[in-house]
Amino acid sequence: MDASGDPIEGQVLLLAAAKASVSADRLPELVSRVERLLDPRRDEYRREYECVYEDDDRVVFLVAPGHWERVGDELDFDRREREAVRRAHDEQLLRVGRRTDRRDEFETALDIRDAVVVGA
């Protein structure tokens, strides 16, 4: 978890910002807004979606495609902001995958679902 309490690591945010053409200064604020929205829904996510990883800092779920469209609508994000947040969550899952020797599994999962990372 980063210093702000968000479950997405700083290096992941930099990578996602570069890939999504969103300012590296802007993305942490967007991720924080998402975390504030999703944190109260953690139990709902546990009931409805597959939890593929959990540690002391984060819980990672695989959700149906289109999830980030709905979240972006709730938060009034534009297309680039939605894409940047989605990429940040996907990249965090892939980083976890590298650390846990599950990268191939997670890459395959991202072909059909989206990742959602919520603070633990």
PDB file of N, CA and C in Angstrom:
ATOM      1  N   MET A   1       0.857  -1.173   0.000  1.00  0.00           N
ATOM      2  CA  MET A   1       0.000   0.000   0.000  1.00  0.00           C
ATOM      3  C   MET A   1       0.897   1.228   0.000  1.00  0.00           C
ATOM      4  N   ASP A   2       0.473   2.269  -0.677  1.00  0.00           N
ATOM      5  CA  ASP A   2       1.304   3.465  -0.718  1.00  0.00           C
ATOM      6  C   ASP A   2       1.059   4.317   0.519  1.00  0.00           C
ATOM      7  N   ALA A   3       1.798   5.406   0.612  1.00  0.00           N
ATOM      8  CA  ALA A   3       1.748   6.251   1.813  1.00  0.00           C
ATOM      9  C   ALA A   3       0.365   6.866   2.043  1.00  0.00           C
ATOM     10  N   SER A   4      -0.417   7.063   0.979  1.00  0.00           N
ATOM     11  CA  SER A   4      -1.736   7.666   1.142  1.00  0.00           C
ATOM     12  C   SER A   4      -2.779   6.668   1.620  1.00  0.00           C
ATOM     13  N   GLY A   5      -2.413   5.386   1.682  1.00  0.00           N
ATOM     14  CA  GLY A   5      -3.352   4.363   2.091  1.00  0.00           C
ATOM     15  C   GLY A   5      -4.043   3.686   0.928  1.00  0.00           C
ATOM     16  N   ASP A   6      -3.710   4.088  -0.298  1.00  0.00           N
ATOM     17  CA  ASP A   6      -4.297   3.449  -1.473  1.00  0.00           C
ATOM     18  C   ASP A   6      -3.579   2.138  -1.755  1.00  0.00           C
ATOM     19  N   PRO A   7      -4.305   1.151  -2.275  1.00  0.00           N
ATOM     20  CA  PRO A   7      -3.724  -0.176  -2.484  1.00  0.00           C
ATOM     21  C   PRO A   7      -2.888  -0.316  -3.759  1.00  0.00           C
ATOM     22  N   ILE A   8      -2.782   0.742  -4.550  1.00  0.00           N
ATOM     23  CA  ILE A   8      -2.005   0.704  -5.782  1.00  0.00           C
ATOM     24  C   ILE A   8      -0.636   1.331  -5.508  1.00  0.00           C
ATOM     25  N   GLU A   9       0.419   0.596  -5.820  1.00  0.00           N
ATOM     26  CA  GLU A   9       1.787   1.061  -5.561  1.00  0.00           C
ATOM     27  C   GLU A   9       2.185   2.210  -6.489  1.00  0.00           C
ATOM     28  N   GLY A  10       3.096   3.049  -6.006  1.00  0.00           N
ATOM     29  CA  GLY A  10       3.548   4.216  -6.755  1.00  0.00           C
ATOM     30  C   GLY A  10       4.114   3.899  -8.125  1.00  0.00           C
ATOM     31  N   GLN A  11       4.946   2.872  -8.224  1.00  0.00           N
ATOM     32  CA  GLN A  11       5.517   2.498  -9.521  1.00  0.00           C
ATOM     33  C   GLN A  11       4.423   2.059 -10.493  1.00  0.00           C
ATOM     34  N   VAL A  12       3.434   1.390  -9.990  1.00  0.00           N
ATOM     35  CA  VAL A  12       2.310   0.956 -10.814  1.00  0.00           C
ATOM     36  C   VAL A  12       1.554   2.175 -11.335  1.00  0.00           C
ATOM     37  N   LEU A  13       1.369   3.168 -10.483  1.00  0.00           N
ATOM     38  CA  LEU A  13       0.676   4.389 -10.906  1.00  0.00           C
ATOM     39  C   LEU A  13       1.437   5.097 -12.018  1.00  0.00           C
ATOM     40  N   LEU A  14       2.754   5.165 -11.903  1.00  0.00           N
ATOM     41  CA  LEU A  14       3.554   5.806 -12.944  1.00  0.00           C
ATOM     42  C   LEU A  14       3.407   5.088 -14.277  1.00  0.00           C
ATOM     43  N   LEU A  15       3.472   3.779 -14.254  1.00  0.00           N
ATOM     44  CA  LEU A  15       3.338   2.983 -15.467  1.00  0.00           C
ATOM     45  C   LEU A  15       1.949   3.163 -16.084  1.00  0.00           C
ATOM     46  N   ALA A  16       0.922   3.070 -15.262  1.00  0.00           N
ATOM     47  CA  ALA A  16      -0.445   3.206 -15.763  1.00  0.00           C
ATOM     48  C   ALA A  16      -0.695   4.597 -16.329  1.00  0.00           C
ATOM     49  N   ALA A  17      -0.178   5.613 -15.670  1.00  0.00           N
ATOM     50  CA  ALA A  17      -0.359   6.984 -16.150  1.00  0.00           C
ATOM     51  C   ALA A  17       0.287   7.158 -17.519  1.00  0.00           C
ATOM     52  N   ALA A  18       1.464   6.632 -17.693  1.00  0.00           N
ATOM     53  CA  ALA A  18       2.159   6.746 -18.975  1.00  0.00           C
ATOM     54  C   ALA A  18       1.394   6.029 -20.081  1.00  0.00           C
ATOM     55  N   LYS A  19       0.879   4.864 -19.802  1.00  0.00           N
ATOM     56  CA  LYS A  19       0.161   4.086 -20.813  1.00  0.00           C
ATOM     57  C   LYS A  19      -1.196   4.692 -21.158  1.00  0.00           C
ATOM     58  N   ALA A  20      -1.802   5.399 -20.231  1.00  0.00           N
ATOM     59  CA  ALA A  20      -3.152   5.916 -20.444  1.00  0.00           C
ATOM     60  C   ALA A  20      -3.175   7.413 -20.771  1.00  0.00           C
ATOM     61  N   SER A  21      -2.022   8.025 -20.903  1.00  0.00           N
ATOM     62  CA  SER A  21      -1.946   9.454 -21.235  1.00  0.00           C
ATOM     63  C   SER A  21      -2.673  10.332 -20.219  1.00  0.00           C
ATOM     64  N   VAL A  22      -2.495   9.993 -18.954  1.00  0.00           N
ATOM     65  CA  VAL A  22      -3.011  10.811 -17.859  1.00  0.00           C
ATOM     66  C   VAL A  22      -1.807  11.240 -17.035  1.00  0.00           C
ATOM     67  N   SER A  23      -1.826  12.442 -16.546  1.00  0.00           N
ATOM     68  CA  SER A  23      -0.724  12.969 -15.768  1.00  0.00           C
ATOM     69  C   SER A  23      -0.411  12.089 -14.558  1.00  0.00           C
ATOM     70  N   ALA A  24       0.876  11.861 -14.335  1.00  0.00           N
ATOM     71  CA  ALA A  24       1.306  11.082 -13.167  1.00  0.00           C
ATOM     72  C   ALA A  24       0.911  11.790 -11.877  1.00  0.00           C
ATOM     73  N   ASP A  25       0.687  13.089 -11.928  1.00  0.00           N
ATOM     74  CA  ASP A  25       0.218  13.834 -10.758  1.00  0.00           C
ATOM     75  C   ASP A  25      -1.282  13.638 -10.538  1.00  0.00           C
ATOM     76  N   ARG A  26      -2.007  13.396 -11.603  1.00  0.00           N
ATOM     77  CA  ARG A  26      -3.469  13.283 -11.539  1.00  0.00           C
ATOM     78  C   ARG A  26      -3.937  11.885 -11.129  1.00  0.00           C
ATOM     79  N   LEU A  27      -3.241  10.853 -11.598  1.00  0.00           N
ATOM     80  CA  LEU A  27      -3.704   9.490 -11.361  1.00  0.00           C
ATOM     81  C   LEU A  27      -3.823   9.117  -9.879  1.00  0.00           C
ATOM     82  N   PRO A  28      -2.879   9.473  -9.013  1.00  0.00           N
ATOM     83  CA  PRO A  28      -3.058   9.121  -7.595  1.00  0.00           C
ATOM     84  C   PRO A  28      -4.357   9.675  -7.000  1.00  0.00           C
ATOM     85  N   GLU A  29      -4.737  10.873  -7.420  1.00  0.00           N
ATOM     86  CA  GLU A  29      -5.986  11.463  -6.922  1.00  0.00           C
ATOM     87  C   GLU A  29      -7.186  10.681  -7.437  1.00  0.00           C
ATOM     88  N   LEU A  30      -7.137  10.263  -8.706  1.00  0.00           N
ATOM     89  CA  LEU A  30      -8.226   9.462  -9.270  1.00  0.00           C
ATOM     90  C   LEU A  30      -8.349   8.124  -8.536  1.00  0.00           C
ATOM     91  N   VAL A  31      -7.220   7.484  -8.295  1.00  0.00           N
ATOM     92  CA  VAL A  31      -7.209   6.197  -7.586  1.00  0.00           C
ATOM     93  C   VAL A  31      -7.740   6.366  -6.163  1.00  0.00           C
ATOM     94  N   SER A  32      -7.409   7.455  -5.514  1.00  0.00           N
ATOM     95  CA  SER A  32      -7.923   7.717  -4.165  1.00  0.00           C
ATOM     96  C   SER A  32      -9.439   7.887  -4.172  1.00  0.00           C
ATOM     97  N   ARG A  33      -9.960   8.573  -5.185  1.00  0.00           N
ATOM     98  CA  ARG A  33     -11.412   8.727  -5.295  1.00  0.00           C
ATOM     99  C   ARG A  33     -12.078   7.369  -5.481  1.00  0.00           C
ATOM    100  N   VAL A  34     -11.481   6.530  -6.316  1.00  0.00           N
ATOM    101  CA  VAL A  34     -12.022   5.189  -6.526  1.00  0.00           C
ATOM    102  C   VAL A  34     -11.985   4.398  -5.222  1.00  0.00           C
ATOM    103  N   GLU A  35     -10.877   4.471  -4.508  1.00  0.00           N
ATOM    104  CA  GLU A  35     -10.753   3.730  -3.249  1.00  0.00           C
ATOM    105  C   GLU A  35     -11.826   4.167  -2.251  1.00  0.00           C
ATOM    106  N   ARG A  36     -12.084   5.462  -2.167  1.00  0.00           N
ATOM    107  CA  ARG A  36     -13.124   5.947  -1.255  1.00  0.00           C
ATOM    108  C   ARG A  36     -14.503   5.427  -1.656  1.00  0.00           C
ATOM    109  N   LEU A  37     -14.743   5.267  -2.950  1.00  0.00           N
ATOM    110  CA  LEU A  37     -16.017   4.735  -3.415  1.00  0.00           C
ATOM    111  C   LEU A  37     -16.124   3.234  -3.154  1.00  0.00           C
ATOM    112  N   LEU A  38     -15.046   2.494  -3.438  1.00  0.00           N
ATOM    113  CA  LEU A  38     -15.107   1.031  -3.386  1.00  0.00           C
ATOM    114  C   LEU A  38     -14.889   0.441  -1.992  1.00  0.00           C
ATOM    115  N   ASP A  39     -14.161   1.123  -1.136  1.00  0.00           N
ATOM    116  CA  ASP A  39     -13.857   0.569   0.187  1.00  0.00           C
ATOM    117  C   ASP A  39     -15.113   0.133   0.945  1.00  0.00           C
ATOM    118  N   PRO A  40     -16.166   0.943   0.992  1.00  0.00           N
ATOM    119  CA  PRO A  40     -17.368   0.495   1.704  1.00  0.00           C
ATOM    120  C   PRO A  40     -18.070  -0.685   1.027  1.00  0.00           C
ATOM    121  N   ARG A  41     -17.706  -0.978  -0.206  1.00  0.00           N
ATOM    122  CA  ARG A  41     -18.339  -2.070  -0.954  1.00  0.00           C
ATOM    123  C   ARG A  41     -17.530  -3.370  -0.903  1.00  0.00           C
ATOM    124  N   ARG A  42     -16.470  -3.399  -0.116  1.00  0.00           N
ATOM    125  CA  ARG A  42     -15.586  -4.571  -0.081  1.00  0.00           C
ATOM    126  C   ARG A  42     -16.354  -5.862   0.208  1.00  0.00           C
ATOM    127  N   ASP A  43     -17.252  -5.843   1.182  1.00  0.00           N
ATOM    128  CA  ASP A  43     -18.017  -7.053   1.508  1.00  0.00           C
ATOM    129  C   ASP A  43     -18.924  -7.472   0.350  1.00  0.00           C
ATOM    130  N   GLU A  44     -19.501  -6.507  -0.328  1.00  0.00           N
ATOM    131  CA  GLU A  44     -20.321  -6.800  -1.514  1.00  0.00           C
ATOM    132  C   GLU A  44     -19.466  -7.465  -2.600  1.00  0.00           C
ATOM    133  N   TYR A  45     -18.268  -6.951  -2.803  1.00  0.00           N
ATOM    134  CA  TYR A  45     -17.361  -7.545  -3.784  1.00  0.00           C
ATOM    135  C   TYR A  45     -17.005  -8.980  -3.387  1.00  0.00           C
ATOM    136  N   ARG A  46     -16.808  -9.198  -2.113  1.00  0.00           N
ATOM    137  CA  ARG A  46     -16.491 -10.561  -1.643  1.00  0.00           C
ATOM    138  C   ARG A  46     -17.617 -11.540  -1.974  1.00  0.00           C
ATOM    139  N   ARG A  47     -18.844 -11.084  -1.857  1.00  0.00           N
ATOM    140  CA  ARG A  47     -19.987 -11.953  -2.141  1.00  0.00           C
ATOM    141  C   ARG A  47     -20.188 -12.173  -3.641  1.00  0.00           C
ATOM    142  N   GLU A  48     -19.914 -11.158  -4.438  1.00  0.00           N
ATOM    143  CA  GLU A  48     -20.283 -11.208  -5.850  1.00  0.00           C
ATOM    144  C   GLU A  48     -19.161 -11.614  -6.799  1.00  0.00           C
ATOM    145  N   TYR A  49     -17.909 -11.423  -6.399  1.00  0.00           N
ATOM    146  CA  TYR A  49     -16.801 -11.617  -7.331  1.00  0.00           C
ATOM    147  C   TYR A  49     -15.744 -12.553  -6.760  1.00  0.00           C
ATOM    148  N   GLU A  50     -14.914 -13.059  -7.655  1.00  0.00           N
ATOM    149  CA  GLU A  50     -13.823 -13.941  -7.258  1.00  0.00           C
ATOM    150  C   GLU A  50     -12.670 -13.132  -6.670  1.00  0.00           C
ATOM    151  N   CYS A  51     -12.284 -13.460  -5.469  1.00  0.00           N
ATOM    152  CA  CYS A  51     -11.096 -12.866  -4.846  1.00  0.00           C
ATOM    153  C   CYS A  51      -9.901 -13.739  -5.247  1.00  0.00           C
ATOM    154  N   VAL A  52      -8.932 -13.139  -5.967  1.00  0.00           N
ATOM    155  CA  VAL A  52      -7.797 -13.926  -6.448  1.00  0.00           C
ATOM    156  C   VAL A  52      -6.533 -13.701  -5.634  1.00  0.00           C
ATOM    157  N   TYR A  53      -6.569 -12.695  -4.746  1.00  0.00           N
ATOM    158  CA  TYR A  53      -5.391 -12.425  -3.931  1.00  0.00           C
ATOM    159  C   TYR A  53      -5.802 -11.533  -2.768  1.00  0.00           C
ATOM    160  N   GLU A  54      -5.152 -11.763  -1.627  1.00  0.00           N
ATOM    161  CA  GLU A  54      -5.377 -10.905  -0.462  1.00  0.00           C
ATOM    162  C   GLU A  54      -4.139 -10.934   0.402  1.00  0.00           C
ATOM    163  N   ASP A  55      -3.734  -9.766   0.888  1.00  0.00           N
ATOM    164  CA  ASP A  55      -2.662  -9.673   1.865  1.00  0.00           C
ATOM    165  C   ASP A  55      -3.023  -8.561   2.851  1.00  0.00           C
ATOM    166  N   ASP A  56      -2.057  -8.102   3.622  1.00  0.00           N
ATOM    167  CA  ASP A  56      -2.338  -7.082   4.632  1.00  0.00           C
ATOM    168  C   ASP A  56      -2.675  -5.719   4.033  1.00  0.00           C
ATOM    169  N   ASP A  57      -2.312  -5.494   2.765  1.00  0.00           N
ATOM    170  CA  ASP A  57      -2.493  -4.191   2.142  1.00  0.00           C
ATOM    171  C   ASP A  57      -3.652  -4.107   1.159  1.00  0.00           C
ATOM    172  N   ARG A  58      -3.959  -5.223   0.493  1.00  0.00           N
ATOM    173  CA  ARG A  58      -4.926  -5.152  -0.601  1.00  0.00           C
ATOM    174  C   ARG A  58      -5.680  -6.455  -0.775  1.00  0.00           C
ATOM    175  N   VAL A  59      -6.851  -6.327  -1.384  1.00  0.00           N
ATOM    176  CA  VAL A  59      -7.673  -7.457  -1.800  1.00  0.00           C
ATOM    177  C   VAL A  59      -7.924  -7.241  -3.287  1.00  0.00           C
ATOM    178  N   VAL A  60      -7.729  -8.308  -4.088  1.00  0.00           N
ATOM    179  CA  VAL A  60      -7.886  -8.190  -5.538  1.00  0.00           C
ATOM    180  C   VAL A  60      -9.017  -9.102  -5.994  1.00  0.00           C
ATOM    181  N   PHE A  61      -9.938  -8.505  -6.741  1.00  0.00           N
ATOM    182  CA  PHE A  61     -11.087  -9.227  -7.282  1.00  0.00           C
ATOM    183  C   PHE A  61     -11.031  -9.204  -8.798  1.00  0.00           C
ATOM    184  N   LEU A  62     -11.606 -10.229  -9.404  1.00  0.00           N
ATOM    185  CA  LEU A  62     -11.843 -10.237 -10.844  1.00  0.00           C
ATOM    186  C   LEU A  62     -13.332 -10.005 -11.050  1.00  0.00           C
ATOM    187  N   VAL A  63     -13.644  -8.994 -11.849  1.00  0.00           N
ATOM    188  CA  VAL A  63     -15.035  -8.579 -12.045  1.00  0.00           C
ATOM    189  C   VAL A  63     -15.384  -8.624 -13.528  1.00  0.00           C
ATOM    190  N   ALA A  64     -16.666  -8.490 -13.819  1.00  0.00           N
ATOM    191  CA  ALA A  64     -17.138  -8.523 -15.200  1.00  0.00           C
ATOM    192  C   ALA A  64     -16.621  -7.317 -15.983  1.00  0.00           C
ATOM    193  N   PRO A  65     -16.380  -7.531 -17.271  1.00  0.00           N
ATOM    194  CA  PRO A  65     -15.998  -6.395 -18.123  1.00  0.00           C
ATOM    195  C   PRO A  65     -17.060  -5.301 -18.030  1.00  0.00           C
ATOM    196  N   GLY A  66     -16.636  -4.075 -18.168  1.00  0.00           N
ATOM    197  CA  GLY A  66     -17.556  -2.952 -18.066  1.00  0.00           C
ATOM    198  C   GLY A  66     -17.623  -2.350 -16.676  1.00  0.00           C
ATOM    199  N   HIS A  67     -17.000  -3.001 -15.714  1.00  0.00           N
ATOM    200  CA  HIS A  67     -17.006  -2.496 -14.336  1.00  0.00           C
ATOM    201  C   HIS A  67     -16.496  -1.061 -14.266  1.00  0.00           C
ATOM    202  N   TRP A  68     -15.390  -0.789 -14.954  1.00  0.00           N
ATOM    203  CA  TRP A  68     -14.781   0.541 -14.876  1.00  0.00           C
ATOM    204  C   TRP A  68     -15.610   1.596 -15.584  1.00  0.00           C
ATOM    205  N   GLU A  69     -16.436   1.195 -16.531  1.00  0.00           N
ATOM    206  CA  GLU A  69     -17.366   2.139 -17.152  1.00  0.00           C
ATOM    207  C   GLU A  69     -18.362   2.635 -16.097  1.00  0.00           C
ATOM    208  N   ARG A  70     -18.915   1.693 -15.340  1.00  0.00           N
ATOM    209  CA  ARG A  70     -19.898   2.049 -14.309  1.00  0.00           C
ATOM    210  C   ARG A  70     -19.267   2.897 -13.202  1.00  0.00           C
ATOM    211  N   VAL A  71     -18.091   2.495 -12.739  1.00  0.00           N
ATOM    212  CA  VAL A  71     -17.413   3.273 -11.694  1.00  0.00           C
ATOM    213  C   VAL A  71     -17.077   4.664 -12.222  1.00  0.00           C
ATOM    214  N   GLY A  72     -16.581   4.722 -13.440  1.00  0.00           N
ATOM    215  CA  GLY A  72     -16.263   6.016 -14.049  1.00  0.00           C
ATOM    216  C   GLY A  72     -17.485   6.907 -14.169  1.00  0.00           C
ATOM    217  N   ASP A  73     -18.625   6.312 -14.510  1.00  0.00           N
ATOM    218  CA  ASP A  73     -19.866   7.092 -14.571  1.00  0.00           C
ATOM    219  C   ASP A  73     -20.220   7.652 -13.199  1.00  0.00           C
ATOM    220  N   GLU A  74     -20.098   6.820 -12.170  1.00  0.00           N
ATOM    221  CA  GLU A  74     -20.421   7.273 -10.807  1.00  0.00           C
ATOM    222  C   GLU A  74     -19.542   8.439 -10.379  1.00  0.00           C
ATOM    223  N   LEU A  75     -18.282   8.404 -10.812  1.00  0.00           N
ATOM    224  CA  LEU A  75     -17.319   9.424 -10.386  1.00  0.00           C
ATOM    225  C   LEU A  75     -17.127  10.534 -11.424  1.00  0.00           C
ATOM    226  N   ASP A  76     -17.888  10.458 -12.509  1.00  0.00           N
ATOM    227  CA  ASP A  76     -17.828  11.455 -13.572  1.00  0.00           C
ATOM    228  C   ASP A  76     -16.424  11.561 -14.187  1.00  0.00           C
ATOM    229  N   PHE A  77     -15.790  10.418 -14.421  1.00  0.00           N
ATOM    230  CA  PHE A  77     -14.477  10.368 -15.062  1.00  0.00           C
ATOM    231  C   PHE A  77     -14.664  10.410 -16.573  1.00  0.00           C
ATOM    232  N   ASP A  78     -13.716  11.023 -17.260  1.00  0.00           N
ATOM    233  CA  ASP A  78     -13.735  10.954 -18.720  1.00  0.00           C
ATOM    234  C   ASP A  78     -13.088   9.637 -19.166  1.00  0.00           C
ATOM    235  N   ARG A  79     -13.078   9.384 -20.469  1.00  0.00           N
ATOM    236  CA  ARG A  79     -12.580   8.114 -21.011  1.00  0.00           C
ATOM    237  C   ARG A  79     -11.133   7.847 -20.609  1.00  0.00           C
ATOM    238  N   ARG A  80     -10.267   8.844 -20.704  1.00  0.00           N
ATOM    239  CA  ARG A  80      -8.855   8.648 -20.345  1.00  0.00           C
ATOM    240  C   ARG A  80      -8.686   8.370 -18.862  1.00  0.00           C
ATOM    241  N   GLU A  81      -9.444   9.042 -18.019  1.00  0.00           N
ATOM    242  CA  GLU A  81      -9.362   8.802 -16.576  1.00  0.00           C
ATOM    243  C   GLU A  81      -9.811   7.377 -16.235  1.00  0.00           C
ATOM    244  N   ARG A  82     -10.893   6.927 -16.858  1.00  0.00           N
ATOM    245  CA  ARG A  82     -11.359   5.546 -16.642  1.00  0.00           C
ATOM    246  C   ARG A  82     -10.293   4.551 -17.057  1.00  0.00           C
ATOM    247  N   GLU A  83      -9.720   4.783 -18.220  1.00  0.00           N
ATOM    248  CA  GLU A  83      -8.699   3.873 -18.737  1.00  0.00           C
ATOM    249  C   GLU A  83      -7.473   3.852 -17.818  1.00  0.00           C
ATOM    250  N   ALA A  84      -7.079   5.002 -17.318  1.00  0.00           N
ATOM    251  CA  ALA A  84      -5.923   5.072 -16.428  1.00  0.00           C
ATOM    252  C   ALA A  84      -6.175   4.304 -15.132  1.00  0.00           C
ATOM    253  N   VAL A  85      -7.355   4.466 -14.565  1.00  0.00           N
ATOM    254  CA  VAL A  85      -7.691   3.755 -13.322  1.00  0.00           C
ATOM    255  C   VAL A  85      -7.762   2.250 -13.586  1.00  0.00           C
ATOM    256  N   ARG A  86      -8.395   1.851 -14.685  1.00  0.00           N
ATOM    257  CA  ARG A  86      -8.461   0.429 -15.027  1.00  0.00           C
ATOM    258  C   ARG A  86      -7.061  -0.139 -15.199  1.00  0.00           C
ATOM    259  N   ARG A  87      -6.208   0.569 -15.901  1.00  0.00           N
ATOM    260  CA  ARG A  87      -4.830   0.105 -16.107  1.00  0.00           C
ATOM    261  C   ARG A  87      -4.078  -0.009 -14.789  1.00  0.00           C
ATOM    262  N   ALA A  88      -4.290   0.948 -13.891  1.00  0.00           N
ATOM    263  CA  ALA A  88      -3.612   0.891 -12.596  1.00  0.00           C
ATOM    264  C   ALA A  88      -4.001  -0.373 -11.835  1.00  0.00           C
ATOM    265  N   HIS A  89      -5.272  -0.696 -11.841  1.00  0.00           N
ATOM    266  CA  HIS A  89      -5.738  -1.898 -11.146  1.00  0.00           C
ATOM    267  C   HIS A  89      -5.216  -3.154 -11.829  1.00  0.00           C
ATOM    268  N   ASP A  90      -5.247  -3.176 -13.160  1.00  0.00           N
ATOM    269  CA  ASP A  90      -4.706  -4.328 -13.898  1.00  0.00           C
ATOM    270  C   ASP A  90      -3.212  -4.498 -13.639  1.00  0.00           C
ATOM    271  N   GLU A  91      -2.477  -3.404 -13.708  1.00  0.00           N
ATOM    272  CA  GLU A  91      -1.020  -3.475 -13.499  1.00  0.00           C
ATOM    273  C   GLU A  91      -0.675  -3.911 -12.077  1.00  0.00           C
ATOM    274  N   GLN A  92      -1.486  -3.491 -11.095  1.00  0.00           N
ATOM    275  CA  GLN A  92      -1.239  -3.932  -9.721  1.00  0.00           C
ATOM    276  C   GLN A  92      -1.441  -5.440  -9.616  1.00  0.00           C
ATOM    277  N   LEU A  93      -2.484  -5.962 -10.267  1.00  0.00           N
ATOM    278  CA  LEU A  93      -2.698  -7.414 -10.272  1.00  0.00           C
ATOM    279  C   LEU A  93      -1.508  -8.124 -10.914  1.00  0.00           C
ATOM    280  N   LEU A  94      -1.003  -7.608 -12.020  1.00  0.00           N
ATOM    281  CA  LEU A  94       0.143  -8.243 -12.686  1.00  0.00           C
ATOM    282  C   LEU A  94       1.400  -8.178 -11.822  1.00  0.00           C
ATOM    283  N   ARG A  95       1.568  -7.089 -11.097  1.00  0.00           N
ATOM    284  CA  ARG A  95       2.713  -6.990 -10.186  1.00  0.00           C
ATOM    285  C   ARG A  95       2.606  -8.036  -9.077  1.00  0.00           C
ATOM    286  N   VAL A  96       1.417  -8.201  -8.534  1.00  0.00           N
ATOM    287  CA  VAL A  96       1.189  -9.253  -7.541  1.00  0.00           C
ATOM    288  C   VAL A  96       1.483 -10.612  -8.173  1.00  0.00           C
ATOM    289  N   GLY A  97       1.063 -10.796  -9.409  1.00  0.00           N
ATOM    290  CA  GLY A  97       1.311 -12.046 -10.114  1.00  0.00           C
ATOM    291  C   GLY A  97       2.788 -12.364 -10.263  1.00  0.00           C
ATOM    292  N   ARG A  98       3.594 -11.350 -10.540  1.00  0.00           N
ATOM    293  CA  ARG A  98       5.050 -11.565 -10.639  1.00  0.00           C
ATOM    294  C   ARG A  98       5.621 -12.001  -9.297  1.00  0.00           C
ATOM    295  N   ARG A  99       5.152 -11.391  -8.241  1.00  0.00           N
ATOM    296  CA  ARG A  99       5.666 -11.709  -6.904  1.00  0.00           C
ATOM    297  C   ARG A  99       5.247 -13.097  -6.419  1.00  0.00           C
ATOM    298  N   THR A 100       4.105 -13.562  -6.887  1.00  0.00           N
ATOM    299  CA  THR A 100       3.551 -14.825  -6.398  1.00  0.00           C
ATOM    300  C   THR A 100       3.631 -15.949  -7.423  1.00  0.00           C
ATOM    301  N   ASP A 101       4.350 -15.701  -8.493  1.00  0.00           N
ATOM    302  CA  ASP A 101       4.516 -16.683  -9.572  1.00  0.00           C
ATOM    303  C   ASP A 101       3.170 -17.076 -10.182  1.00  0.00           C
ATOM    304  N   ARG A 102       2.289 -16.081 -10.334  1.00  0.00           N
ATOM    305  CA  ARG A 102       0.962 -16.312 -10.922  1.00  0.00           C
ATOM    306  C   ARG A 102       0.702 -15.363 -12.085  1.00  0.00           C
ATOM    307  N   ARG A 103       1.743 -14.751 -12.634  1.00  0.00           N
ATOM    308  CA  ARG A 103       1.557 -13.739 -13.681  1.00  0.00           C
ATOM    309  C   ARG A 103       0.787 -14.291 -14.880  1.00  0.00           C
ATOM    310  N   ASP A 104       1.163 -15.476 -15.376  1.00  0.00           N
ATOM    311  CA  ASP A 104       0.468 -16.044 -16.540  1.00  0.00           C
ATOM    312  C   ASP A 104      -1.020 -16.233 -16.257  1.00  0.00           C
ATOM    313  N   GLU A 105      -1.318 -16.737 -15.075  1.00  0.00           N
ATOM    314  CA  GLU A 105      -2.716 -16.942 -14.677  1.00  0.00           C
ATOM    315  C   GLU A 105      -3.481 -15.620 -14.691  1.00  0.00           C
ATOM    316  N   PHE A 106      -2.878 -14.581 -14.131  1.00  0.00           N
ATOM    317  CA  PHE A 106      -3.545 -13.289 -14.048  1.00  0.00           C
ATOM    318  C   PHE A 106      -3.654 -12.621 -15.423  1.00  0.00           C
ATOM    319  N   GLU A 107      -2.633 -12.756 -16.269  1.00  0.00           N
ATOM    320  CA  GLU A 107      -2.714 -12.202 -17.621  1.00  0.00           C
ATOM    321  C   GLU A 107      -3.882 -12.830 -18.379  1.00  0.00           C
ATOM    322  N   THR A 108      -4.022 -14.129 -18.250  1.00  0.00           N
ATOM    323  CA  THR A 108      -5.116 -14.827 -18.914  1.00  0.00           C
ATOM    324  C   THR A 108      -6.465 -14.348 -18.373  1.00  0.00           C
ATOM    325  N   ALA A 109      -6.564 -14.188 -17.078  1.00  0.00           N
ATOM    326  CA  ALA A 109      -7.811 -13.715 -16.468  1.00  0.00           C
ATOM    327  C   ALA A 109      -8.189 -12.333 -16.987  1.00  0.00           C
ATOM    328  N   LEU A 110      -7.191 -11.459 -17.204  1.00  0.00           N
ATOM    329  CA  LEU A 110      -7.473 -10.103 -17.669  1.00  0.00           C
ATOM    330  C   LEU A 110      -7.956 -10.070 -19.113  1.00  0.00           C
ATOM    331  N   ASP A 111      -7.831 -11.172 -19.828  1.00  0.00           N
ATOM    332  CA  ASP A 111      -8.375 -11.240 -21.186  1.00  0.00           C
ATOM    333  C   ASP A 111      -9.898 -11.224 -21.181  1.00  0.00           C
ATOM    334  N   ILE A 112     -10.494 -11.689 -20.080  1.00  0.00           N
ATOM    335  CA  ILE A 112     -11.954 -11.789 -20.044  1.00  0.00           C
ATOM    336  C   ILE A 112     -12.604 -11.040 -18.875  1.00  0.00           C
ATOM    337  N   ARG A 113     -11.801 -10.574 -17.933  1.00  0.00           N
ATOM    338  CA  ARG A 113     -12.355  -9.855 -16.785  1.00  0.00           C
ATOM    339  C   ARG A 113     -11.476  -8.658 -16.444  1.00  0.00           C
ATOM    340  N   ASP A 114     -11.958  -7.825 -15.564  1.00  0.00           N
ATOM    341  CA  ASP A 114     -11.210  -6.673 -15.071  1.00  0.00           C
ATOM    342  C   ASP A 114     -10.781  -6.922 -13.631  1.00  0.00           C
ATOM    343  N   ALA A 115      -9.684  -6.295 -13.267  1.00  0.00           N
ATOM    344  CA  ALA A 115      -9.199  -6.373 -11.887  1.00  0.00           C
ATOM    345  C   ALA A 115      -9.715  -5.187 -11.089  1.00  0.00           C
ATOM    346  N   VAL A 116     -10.025  -5.441  -9.836  1.00  0.00           N
ATOM    347  CA  VAL A 116     -10.371  -4.384  -8.882  1.00  0.00           C
ATOM    348  C   VAL A 116      -9.534  -4.640  -7.637  1.00  0.00           C
ATOM    349  N   VAL A 117      -8.761  -3.633  -7.260  1.00  0.00           N
ATOM    350  CA  VAL A 117      -7.895  -3.722  -6.095  1.00  0.00           C
ATOM    351  C   VAL A 117      -8.432  -2.764  -5.038  1.00  0.00           C
ATOM    352  N   VAL A 118      -8.727  -3.299  -3.865  1.00  0.00           N
ATOM    353  CA  VAL A 118      -9.268  -2.516  -2.770  1.00  0.00           C
ATOM    354  C   VAL A 118      -8.364  -2.691  -1.566  1.00  0.00           C
ATOM    355  N   GLY A 119      -8.196  -1.649  -0.791  1.00  0.00           N
ATOM    356  CA  GLY A 119      -7.385  -1.744   0.421  1.00  0.00           C
ATOM    357  C   GLY A 119      -7.961  -2.775   1.372  1.00  0.00           C
ATOM    358  N   ALA A 120      -7.048  -3.484   2.065  1.00  0.00           N
ATOM    359  CA  ALA A 120      -7.486  -4.545   2.989  1.00  0.00           C
ATOM    360  C   ALA A 120      -7.960  -3.956   4.301  1.00  0.00           C
TER     361      ALA A 120
END
